[in-house]
Amino acid sequence: MPPPRFETWFMEGTLEPYVHYVPLAEDCSDLEEKMDYYLAHPQEAEAIIHHANAHVAQFRDARRERLIGLLVMRKYFALSGQLAAEPSPLIRSRAVRNNWA
C-alpha cells in the first residue's frame, strides 16, 4: 500500500514500512517490481504478513472495541460540555462488572 496519509481507528501511524506493509508509490507504479521481489523472497513476505496480522489482531475483540468506542464518546462529551453528571448506566455497569472502575 502507499504509505498511509491519514490516522484512523486502525492506528495507521503505528504501521512500519517493510514490517507491517510493503510501501508502494502513490500511483502504485512500482507494484509489479515489489510483487516480483517478494515472490523471489517469500520468507520476507511471510514476516511482513505475520506482523500485519499481529497488528490487526488487536482490533478483533468486538467487546473491547465497543468499550473503547464508548469511552471515546464519553471523553468527547466531557470535553464538549455535554456529559451528564453521572456516567451512563451502560458504561458504569460494565466497568464495575469487569473491575475497570
C-alpha atoms as a PDB file:
ATOM      1  CA  MET A   1       0.000   0.000   0.000  1.00  0.00           C
ATOM      2  CA  PRO A   2       1.142   3.578  -0.371  1.00  0.00           C
ATOM      3  CA  PRO A   3       2.313   4.991   2.969  1.00  0.00           C
ATOM      4  CA  PRO A   4      -0.771   5.971   4.993  1.00  0.00           C
ATOM      5  CA  ARG A   5      -1.724   9.648   4.898  1.00  0.00           C
ATOM      6  CA  PHE A   6      -4.488   9.586   7.499  1.00  0.00           C
ATOM      7  CA  GLU A   7      -4.779   8.333  11.037  1.00  0.00           C
ATOM      8  CA  THR A   8      -7.937   6.357  11.720  1.00  0.00           C
ATOM      9  CA  TRP A   9      -9.188   3.952  14.350  1.00  0.00           C
ATOM     10  CA  PHE A  10      -6.824   1.425  12.724  1.00  0.00           C
ATOM     11  CA  MET A  11      -3.810   3.391  14.069  1.00  0.00           C
ATOM     12  CA  GLU A  12      -2.004   3.671  10.742  1.00  0.00           C
ATOM     13  CA  GLY A  13       0.650   5.851  12.367  1.00  0.00           C
ATOM     14  CA  THR A  14       1.971   2.790  14.196  1.00  0.00           C
ATOM     15  CA  LEU A  15       2.456   0.788  10.992  1.00  0.00           C
ATOM     16  CA  GLU A  16       6.061   0.485   9.864  1.00  0.00           C
ATOM     17  CA  PRO A  17       7.043   0.105   6.198  1.00  0.00           C
ATOM     18  CA  TYR A  18       8.622  -3.269   5.406  1.00  0.00           C
ATOM     19  CA  VAL A  19       7.449  -4.506   8.820  1.00  0.00           C
ATOM     20  CA  HIS A  20       3.643  -4.257   8.574  1.00  0.00           C
ATOM     21  CA  TYR A  21       3.269  -3.478   4.869  1.00  0.00           C
ATOM     22  CA  VAL A  22       5.209  -3.027   1.654  1.00  0.00           C
ATOM     23  CA  PRO A  23       5.205   0.655   0.742  1.00  0.00           C
ATOM     24  CA  LEU A  24       4.187   1.458  -2.805  1.00  0.00           C
ATOM     25  CA  ALA A  25       4.477   4.650  -4.823  1.00  0.00           C
ATOM     26  CA  GLU A  26       1.365   6.831  -4.554  1.00  0.00           C
ATOM     27  CA  ASP A  27       0.336   5.798  -8.069  1.00  0.00           C
ATOM     28  CA  CYS A  28       1.270   2.132  -7.422  1.00  0.00           C
ATOM     29  CA  SER A  29       3.636   2.274 -10.390  1.00  0.00           C
ATOM     30  CA  ASP A  30       6.109   0.043  -8.549  1.00  0.00           C
ATOM     31  CA  LEU A  31       3.598  -2.692  -7.707  1.00  0.00           C
ATOM     32  CA  GLU A  32       4.937  -5.199 -10.219  1.00  0.00           C
ATOM     33  CA  GLU A  33       8.520  -4.605  -9.075  1.00  0.00           C
ATOM     34  CA  LYS A  34       7.547  -5.151  -5.410  1.00  0.00           C
ATOM     35  CA  MET A  35       5.498  -8.246  -6.295  1.00  0.00           C
ATOM     36  CA  ASP A  36       8.458  -9.739  -8.193  1.00  0.00           C
ATOM     37  CA  TYR A  37      10.786  -9.030  -5.261  1.00  0.00           C
ATOM     38  CA  TYR A  38       8.556 -10.682  -2.661  1.00  0.00           C
ATOM     39  CA  LEU A  39       7.766 -13.639  -4.908  1.00  0.00           C
ATOM     40  CA  ALA A  40      11.526 -14.207  -5.003  1.00  0.00           C
ATOM     41  CA  HIS A  41      11.835 -13.632  -1.216  1.00  0.00           C
ATOM     42  CA  PRO A  42       8.871 -15.463   0.332  1.00  0.00           C
ATOM     43  CA  GLN A  43      10.314 -15.535   3.859  1.00  0.00           C
ATOM     44  CA  GLU A  44      10.453 -11.733   3.912  1.00  0.00           C
ATOM     45  CA  ALA A  45       6.883 -11.590   2.608  1.00  0.00           C
ATOM     46  CA  GLU A  46       5.718 -14.024   5.284  1.00  0.00           C
ATOM     47  CA  ALA A  47       7.386 -11.954   8.028  1.00  0.00           C
ATOM     48  CA  ILE A  48       5.509  -8.853   6.847  1.00  0.00           C
ATOM     49  CA  ILE A  49       2.258 -10.831   6.720  1.00  0.00           C
ATOM     50  CA  HIS A  50       2.875 -12.091  10.265  1.00  0.00           C
ATOM     51  CA  HIS A  51       3.447  -8.550  11.599  1.00  0.00           C
ATOM     52  CA  ALA A  52       0.425  -7.203   9.709  1.00  0.00           C
ATOM     53  CA  ASN A  53      -1.789  -9.936  11.158  1.00  0.00           C
ATOM     54  CA  ALA A  54      -0.478  -9.221  14.659  1.00  0.00           C
ATOM     55  CA  HIS A  55      -1.389  -5.544  14.209  1.00  0.00           C
ATOM     56  CA  VAL A  56      -4.902  -6.415  13.065  1.00  0.00           C
ATOM     57  CA  ALA A  57      -5.423  -8.923  15.901  1.00  0.00           C
ATOM     58  CA  GLN A  58      -5.741  -6.152  18.477  1.00  0.00           C
ATOM     59  CA  PHE A  59      -8.906  -4.933  16.732  1.00  0.00           C
ATOM     60  CA  ARG A  60     -10.644  -8.312  16.601  1.00  0.00           C
ATOM     61  CA  ASP A  61     -12.024  -8.234  20.150  1.00  0.00           C
ATOM     62  CA  ALA A  62     -15.504  -6.825  19.483  1.00  0.00           C
ATOM     63  CA  ARG A  63     -16.262  -6.311  23.170  1.00  0.00           C
ATOM     64  CA  ARG A  64     -13.044  -4.372  23.748  1.00  0.00           C
ATOM     65  CA  GLU A  65     -13.580  -2.260  20.623  1.00  0.00           C
ATOM     66  CA  ARG A  66     -17.126  -1.406  21.732  1.00  0.00           C
ATOM     67  CA  LEU A  67     -15.897  -0.361  25.174  1.00  0.00           C
ATOM     68  CA  ILE A  68     -13.140   1.774  23.652  1.00  0.00           C
ATOM     69  CA  GLY A  69     -15.722   3.403  21.376  1.00  0.00           C
ATOM     70  CA  LEU A  70     -17.956   4.183  24.357  1.00  0.00           C
ATOM     71  CA  LEU A  71     -15.045   5.648  26.288  1.00  0.00           C
ATOM     72  CA  VAL A  72     -14.033   7.785  23.299  1.00  0.00           C
ATOM     73  CA  MET A  73     -17.614   9.095  23.044  1.00  0.00           C
ATOM     74  CA  ARG A  74     -17.651   9.776  26.797  1.00  0.00           C
ATOM     75  CA  LYS A  75     -14.408  11.765  26.510  1.00  0.00           C
ATOM     76  CA  TYR A  76     -15.839  13.731  23.561  1.00  0.00           C
ATOM     77  CA  PHE A  77     -18.992  14.554  25.509  1.00  0.00           C
ATOM     78  CA  ALA A  78     -16.937  15.567  28.561  1.00  0.00           C
ATOM     79  CA  LEU A  79     -14.643  17.836  26.546  1.00  0.00           C
ATOM     80  CA  SER A  80     -17.556  19.414  24.695  1.00  0.00           C
ATOM     81  CA  GLY A  81     -19.519  20.079  27.905  1.00  0.00           C
ATOM     82  CA  GLN A  82     -22.297  17.631  27.026  1.00  0.00           C
ATOM     83  CA  LEU A  83     -21.575  14.994  29.677  1.00  0.00           C
ATOM     84  CA  ALA A  84     -24.200  14.329  32.331  1.00  0.00           C
ATOM     85  CA  ALA A  85     -23.070  14.393  35.962  1.00  0.00           C
ATOM     86  CA  GLU A  86     -23.093  10.572  36.160  1.00  0.00           C
ATOM     87  CA  PRO A  87     -21.660   8.202  33.560  1.00  0.00           C
ATOM     88  CA  SER A  88     -24.221   6.298  31.566  1.00  0.00           C
ATOM     89  CA  PRO A  89     -25.525   3.113  33.208  1.00  0.00           C
ATOM     90  CA  LEU A  90     -24.051   1.069  30.350  1.00  0.00           C
ATOM     91  CA  ILE A  91     -20.517   2.295  30.974  1.00  0.00           C
ATOM     92  CA  ARG A  92     -20.897   2.216  34.765  1.00  0.00           C
ATOM     93  CA  SER A  93     -22.313  -1.331  34.886  1.00  0.00           C
ATOM     94  CA  ARG A  94     -19.712  -2.775  32.505  1.00  0.00           C
ATOM     95  CA  ALA A  95     -16.870  -1.024  34.278  1.00  0.00           C
ATOM     96  CA  VAL A  96     -17.984  -2.341  37.663  1.00  0.00           C
ATOM     97  CA  ARG A  97     -18.677  -5.840  36.329  1.00  0.00           C
ATOM     98  CA  ASN A  98     -15.244  -6.012  34.704  1.00  0.00           C
ATOM     99  CA  ASN A  99     -13.337  -4.259  37.511  1.00  0.00           C
ATOM    100  CA  TRP A 100     -12.497  -1.307  35.250  1.00  0.00           C
ATOM    101  CA  ALA A 101     -13.839   1.321  37.618  1.00  0.00           C
END
